[in-house]
């Protein structure tokens, strides 16, 4: 039985996050991606495979080369999940701001 990876497993690795950042500006081949790292190309290929399995990148063949590009729609899933934490911290900071304003008013 093959375990399916999820997007959070994919972004848990700093190398894969770096690859995603590189792909925000342009589609790149595995070789071009690997040239930015001090690890063996098969290691980068494995990282790209994981990103592909999680549908965070999409391969497209152009001649003999395979170019990988970022799939923005899949990244939105991460953003949606993170939104709950943004709201939590926004509310907490607003409560702190309200408390500090109230304290400042009482001091005057």
N, C-alpha and C. Protein backbone atom coordinates (compact mmCIF):
# COMPACT_ATOMS: atom_id res chain seq x y z
N UNK A 1 0.85 -1.19 0.00
CA UNK A 1 0.00 0.00 0.00
C UNK A 1 0.89 1.25 0.00
N UNK A 2 0.64 2.12 -0.93
CA UNK A 2 1.43 3.35 -1.04
C UNK A 2 0.79 4.44 -0.21
N UNK A 3 1.58 5.04 0.68
CA UNK A 3 1.07 6.14 1.48
C UNK A 3 1.07 7.40 0.65
N UNK A 4 -0.02 8.14 0.72
CA UNK A 4 -0.11 9.39 -0.02
C UNK A 4 0.45 10.51 0.84
N UNK A 5 1.33 11.27 0.26
CA UNK A 5 1.90 12.41 0.96
C UNK A 5 0.90 13.57 0.90
N UNK A 6 1.03 14.47 1.86
CA UNK A 6 0.19 15.66 1.79
C UNK A 6 1.06 16.90 1.66
N UNK A 7 0.42 18.02 1.38
CA UNK A 7 1.16 19.24 1.11
C UNK A 7 1.96 19.72 2.32
N UNK A 8 1.50 19.41 3.51
CA UNK A 8 2.21 19.86 4.70
C UNK A 8 3.48 19.05 4.91
N UNK A 9 3.44 17.79 4.54
CA UNK A 9 4.66 16.98 4.57
C UNK A 9 5.66 17.54 3.54
N UNK A 10 5.14 17.92 2.40
CA UNK A 10 6.01 18.45 1.34
C UNK A 10 6.71 19.73 1.77
N UNK A 11 5.99 20.63 2.40
CA UNK A 11 6.60 21.92 2.76
C UNK A 11 7.35 21.87 4.09
N UNK A 12 7.36 20.71 4.75
CA UNK A 12 8.08 20.60 6.02
C UNK A 12 9.59 20.62 5.83
N UNK A 13 10.05 20.34 4.63
CA UNK A 13 11.49 20.27 4.37
C UNK A 13 12.00 21.59 3.81
N UNK A 14 13.08 22.15 4.38
CA UNK A 14 13.59 23.45 3.91
C UNK A 14 14.06 23.43 2.45
N UNK A 15 14.58 22.30 1.99
CA UNK A 15 15.01 22.24 0.59
C UNK A 15 13.81 22.33 -0.34
N UNK A 16 12.73 21.64 0.01
CA UNK A 16 11.53 21.70 -0.84
C UNK A 16 10.91 23.10 -0.80
N UNK A 17 10.95 23.75 0.36
CA UNK A 17 10.44 25.12 0.42
C UNK A 17 11.29 26.03 -0.46
N UNK A 18 12.59 25.82 -0.46
CA UNK A 18 13.49 26.63 -1.31
C UNK A 18 13.18 26.39 -2.79
N UNK A 19 12.91 25.15 -3.15
CA UNK A 19 12.55 24.84 -4.54
C UNK A 19 11.26 25.56 -4.92
N UNK A 20 10.28 25.55 -4.04
CA UNK A 20 9.02 26.24 -4.33
C UNK A 20 9.25 27.74 -4.53
N UNK A 21 10.11 28.32 -3.71
CA UNK A 21 10.40 29.75 -3.84
C UNK A 21 11.06 30.02 -5.20
N UNK A 22 11.98 29.16 -5.60
CA UNK A 22 12.64 29.35 -6.91
C UNK A 22 11.63 29.28 -8.05
N UNK A 23 10.64 28.41 -7.90
CA UNK A 23 9.67 28.23 -8.98
C UNK A 23 8.62 29.34 -9.03
N UNK A 24 8.63 30.24 -8.07
CA UNK A 24 7.68 31.35 -8.12
C UNK A 24 8.00 32.31 -9.26
N UNK A 25 9.26 32.37 -9.65
CA UNK A 25 9.63 33.32 -10.70
C UNK A 25 9.64 32.73 -12.09
N UNK A 26 9.88 31.41 -12.21
CA UNK A 26 9.93 30.80 -13.54
C UNK A 26 9.90 29.29 -13.44
N UNK A 27 9.49 28.64 -14.51
CA UNK A 27 9.58 27.18 -14.62
C UNK A 27 11.05 26.81 -14.79
N UNK A 28 11.45 25.70 -14.21
CA UNK A 28 12.85 25.30 -14.27
C UNK A 28 12.96 23.79 -14.46
N UNK A 29 14.07 23.37 -15.05
CA UNK A 29 14.37 21.94 -15.17
C UNK A 29 14.96 21.46 -13.84
N UNK A 30 14.97 20.13 -13.67
CA UNK A 30 15.56 19.56 -12.47
C UNK A 30 17.03 19.93 -12.36
N UNK A 31 17.72 19.94 -13.49
CA UNK A 31 19.14 20.31 -13.49
C UNK A 31 19.35 21.75 -13.06
N UNK A 32 18.51 22.65 -13.54
CA UNK A 32 18.63 24.06 -13.16
C UNK A 32 18.32 24.24 -11.67
N UNK A 33 17.34 23.50 -11.19
CA UNK A 33 17.02 23.56 -9.75
C UNK A 33 18.20 23.03 -8.94
N UNK A 34 18.72 21.87 -9.35
CA UNK A 34 19.82 21.22 -8.62
C UNK A 34 21.07 22.08 -8.57
N UNK A 35 21.28 22.89 -9.59
CA UNK A 35 22.50 23.73 -9.62
C UNK A 35 22.51 24.78 -8.51
N UNK A 36 21.39 24.99 -7.86
CA UNK A 36 21.31 25.95 -6.76
C UNK A 36 21.60 25.34 -5.39
N UNK A 37 21.88 24.04 -5.36
CA UNK A 37 22.08 23.34 -4.10
C UNK A 37 23.41 22.59 -4.10
N UNK A 38 23.95 22.37 -2.92
CA UNK A 38 25.20 21.63 -2.77
C UNK A 38 24.92 20.18 -2.40
N UNK A 39 23.96 19.57 -3.06
CA UNK A 39 23.65 18.16 -2.85
C UNK A 39 23.59 17.47 -4.21
N UNK A 40 23.59 16.16 -4.19
CA UNK A 40 23.56 15.40 -5.44
C UNK A 40 22.24 15.61 -6.17
N UNK A 41 22.31 15.59 -7.49
CA UNK A 41 21.11 15.80 -8.30
C UNK A 41 20.01 14.78 -7.97
N UNK A 42 20.32 13.49 -7.72
CA UNK A 42 19.25 12.55 -7.36
C UNK A 42 18.49 12.96 -6.09
N UNK A 43 19.19 13.62 -5.17
CA UNK A 43 18.53 14.12 -3.96
C UNK A 43 17.50 15.18 -4.32
N UNK A 44 17.87 16.10 -5.19
CA UNK A 44 16.93 17.14 -5.63
C UNK A 44 15.79 16.52 -6.42
N UNK A 45 16.10 15.53 -7.23
CA UNK A 45 15.05 14.84 -8.00
C UNK A 45 14.03 14.21 -7.07
N UNK A 46 14.49 13.65 -5.95
CA UNK A 46 13.57 13.06 -4.97
C UNK A 46 12.68 14.15 -4.36
N UNK A 47 13.27 15.29 -4.05
CA UNK A 47 12.47 16.40 -3.51
C UNK A 47 11.42 16.85 -4.53
N UNK A 48 11.83 16.94 -5.79
CA UNK A 48 10.89 17.35 -6.84
C UNK A 48 9.78 16.30 -6.99
N UNK A 49 10.14 15.03 -6.87
CA UNK A 49 9.15 13.96 -6.95
C UNK A 49 8.10 14.10 -5.84
N UNK A 50 8.55 14.41 -4.65
CA UNK A 50 7.62 14.59 -3.53
C UNK A 50 6.70 15.79 -3.79
N UNK A 51 7.27 16.89 -4.27
CA UNK A 51 6.45 18.07 -4.59
C UNK A 51 5.45 17.75 -5.69
N UNK A 52 5.86 16.93 -6.64
CA UNK A 52 4.97 16.53 -7.72
C UNK A 52 3.85 15.63 -7.20
N UNK A 53 4.19 14.67 -6.34
CA UNK A 53 3.18 13.78 -5.76
C UNK A 53 2.13 14.57 -4.98
N UNK A 54 2.55 15.64 -4.36
CA UNK A 54 1.63 16.48 -3.58
C UNK A 54 0.94 17.53 -4.44
N UNK A 55 1.23 17.50 -5.73
CA UNK A 55 0.63 18.40 -6.71
C UNK A 55 0.96 19.87 -6.46
N UNK A 56 2.14 20.12 -5.88
CA UNK A 56 2.60 21.49 -5.69
C UNK A 56 3.37 22.00 -6.88
N UNK A 57 3.89 21.09 -7.69
CA UNK A 57 4.55 21.45 -8.94
C UNK A 57 3.94 20.63 -10.07
N UNK A 58 4.07 21.17 -11.26
CA UNK A 58 3.54 20.47 -12.43
C UNK A 58 4.63 20.36 -13.49
N UNK A 59 4.91 19.14 -13.91
CA UNK A 59 5.92 18.98 -14.96
C UNK A 59 5.32 19.19 -16.34
N UNK A 60 6.10 19.75 -17.24
CA UNK A 60 5.67 19.86 -18.63
C UNK A 60 6.89 19.64 -19.51
N UNK A 61 6.74 18.80 -20.50
CA UNK A 61 7.84 18.45 -21.39
C UNK A 61 7.94 19.48 -22.50
N UNK A 62 9.16 19.97 -22.69
CA UNK A 62 9.47 20.88 -23.80
C UNK A 62 10.70 20.33 -24.50
N UNK A 63 10.48 19.64 -25.59
CA UNK A 63 11.58 18.96 -26.26
C UNK A 63 12.05 17.81 -25.40
N UNK A 64 13.33 17.77 -25.14
CA UNK A 64 13.90 16.71 -24.30
C UNK A 64 13.87 17.04 -22.82
N UNK A 65 13.57 18.27 -22.49
CA UNK A 65 13.61 18.74 -21.10
C UNK A 65 12.23 18.68 -20.45
N UNK A 66 12.23 18.46 -19.15
CA UNK A 66 11.00 18.55 -18.36
C UNK A 66 11.15 19.77 -17.46
N UNK A 67 10.22 20.68 -17.59
CA UNK A 67 10.21 21.89 -16.78
C UNK A 67 9.17 21.73 -15.68
N UNK A 68 9.52 22.22 -14.52
CA UNK A 68 8.61 22.17 -13.37
C UNK A 68 8.16 23.58 -13.06
N UNK A 69 6.86 23.72 -12.83
CA UNK A 69 6.35 25.03 -12.44
C UNK A 69 5.45 24.88 -11.23
N UNK A 70 5.36 25.94 -10.48
CA UNK A 70 4.57 25.98 -9.26
C UNK A 70 3.08 25.95 -9.59
N UNK A 71 2.32 25.16 -8.84
CA UNK A 71 0.87 25.14 -8.99
C UNK A 71 0.26 26.01 -7.89
N UNK A 72 -0.05 27.22 -8.25
CA UNK A 72 -0.54 28.21 -7.29
C UNK A 72 -1.82 27.75 -6.61
N UNK A 73 -2.72 27.11 -7.35
CA UNK A 73 -4.00 26.70 -6.77
C UNK A 73 -3.80 25.74 -5.59
N UNK A 74 -2.81 24.90 -5.66
CA UNK A 74 -2.54 23.98 -4.55
C UNK A 74 -1.96 24.72 -3.36
N UNK A 75 -1.18 25.76 -3.63
CA UNK A 75 -0.62 26.56 -2.54
C UNK A 75 -1.72 27.27 -1.77
N UNK A 76 -2.84 27.52 -2.42
CA UNK A 76 -3.97 28.18 -1.75
C UNK A 76 -4.51 27.33 -0.61
N UNK A 77 -4.40 25.99 -0.73
CA UNK A 77 -4.84 25.11 0.35
C UNK A 77 -4.06 25.40 1.63
N UNK A 78 -2.78 25.66 1.48
CA UNK A 78 -1.94 25.98 2.63
C UNK A 78 -2.39 27.31 3.22
N UNK A 79 -2.63 28.28 2.35
CA UNK A 79 -3.05 29.60 2.79
C UNK A 79 -4.39 29.54 3.53
N UNK A 80 -5.31 28.74 3.04
CA UNK A 80 -6.62 28.61 3.70
C UNK A 80 -6.44 28.02 5.10
N UNK A 81 -5.59 27.02 5.22
CA UNK A 81 -5.35 26.40 6.52
C UNK A 81 -4.71 27.40 7.48
N UNK A 82 -3.76 28.19 6.97
CA UNK A 82 -3.07 29.16 7.81
C UNK A 82 -3.96 30.32 8.23
N UNK A 83 -4.99 30.58 7.46
CA UNK A 83 -5.88 31.72 7.75
C UNK A 83 -6.46 31.65 9.16
N UNK A 84 -6.79 30.45 9.63
CA UNK A 84 -7.36 30.32 10.97
C UNK A 84 -6.37 30.83 12.03
N UNK A 85 -5.09 30.64 11.80
CA UNK A 85 -4.09 31.11 12.75
C UNK A 85 -3.89 32.61 12.63
N UNK A 86 -3.97 33.12 11.41
CA UNK A 86 -3.90 34.58 11.23
C UNK A 86 -5.03 35.25 12.00
N UNK A 87 -6.22 34.71 11.88
CA UNK A 87 -7.38 35.28 12.58
C UNK A 87 -7.20 35.19 14.09
N UNK A 88 -6.70 34.06 14.56
CA UNK A 88 -6.46 33.88 15.99
C UNK A 88 -5.53 34.96 16.52
N UNK A 89 -4.38 35.15 15.83
CA UNK A 89 -3.41 36.12 16.30
C UNK A 89 -3.90 37.55 16.11
N UNK A 90 -4.64 37.79 15.08
CA UNK A 90 -5.22 39.13 14.88
C UNK A 90 -6.15 39.46 16.05
N UNK A 91 -6.97 38.51 16.45
CA UNK A 91 -7.87 38.72 17.58
C UNK A 91 -7.11 38.92 18.88
N UNK A 92 -6.07 38.12 19.08
CA UNK A 92 -5.28 38.24 20.31
C UNK A 92 -4.59 39.61 20.39
N UNK A 93 -4.02 40.05 19.28
CA UNK A 93 -3.36 41.35 19.28
C UNK A 93 -4.38 42.48 19.46
N UNK A 94 -5.57 42.31 18.93
CA UNK A 94 -6.60 43.32 19.13
C UNK A 94 -7.00 43.39 20.60
N UNK A 95 -7.10 42.24 21.24
CA UNK A 95 -7.42 42.22 22.68
C UNK A 95 -6.32 42.91 23.49
N UNK A 96 -5.07 42.64 23.12
CA UNK A 96 -3.96 43.29 23.81
C UNK A 96 -3.99 44.80 23.58
N UNK A 97 -4.25 45.20 22.36
CA UNK A 97 -4.34 46.63 22.03
C UNK A 97 -5.45 47.29 22.83
N UNK A 98 -6.60 46.62 22.92
CA UNK A 98 -7.72 47.16 23.69
C UNK A 98 -7.36 47.29 25.17
N UNK A 99 -6.68 46.28 25.71
CA UNK A 99 -6.28 46.31 27.11
C UNK A 99 -5.31 47.44 27.37
N UNK A 100 -4.32 47.60 26.50
CA UNK A 100 -3.34 48.67 26.68
C UNK A 100 -4.00 50.04 26.55
N UNK A 101 -4.93 50.20 25.65
CA UNK A 101 -5.65 51.47 25.49
C UNK A 101 -6.46 51.77 26.74
N UNK A 102 -7.10 50.74 27.26
CA UNK A 102 -7.90 50.90 28.48
C UNK A 102 -6.99 51.29 29.66
N UNK A 103 -5.85 50.65 29.78
CA UNK A 103 -4.91 50.97 30.86
C UNK A 103 -4.41 52.40 30.71
N UNK A 104 -4.12 52.80 29.49
CA UNK A 104 -3.61 54.15 29.25
C UNK A 104 -4.68 55.18 29.63
N UNK A 105 -5.93 54.89 29.34
CA UNK A 105 -7.03 55.80 29.66
C UNK A 105 -7.18 55.92 31.18
N UNK A 106 -7.02 54.83 31.89
CA UNK A 106 -7.17 54.84 33.37
C UNK A 106 -6.01 55.60 34.03
N UNK A 107 -4.84 55.58 33.41
CA UNK A 107 -3.68 56.27 33.98
C UNK A 107 -3.85 57.78 33.86
N UNK A 108 -4.47 58.24 32.81
CA UNK A 108 -4.62 59.68 32.58
C UNK A 108 -5.58 60.29 33.52
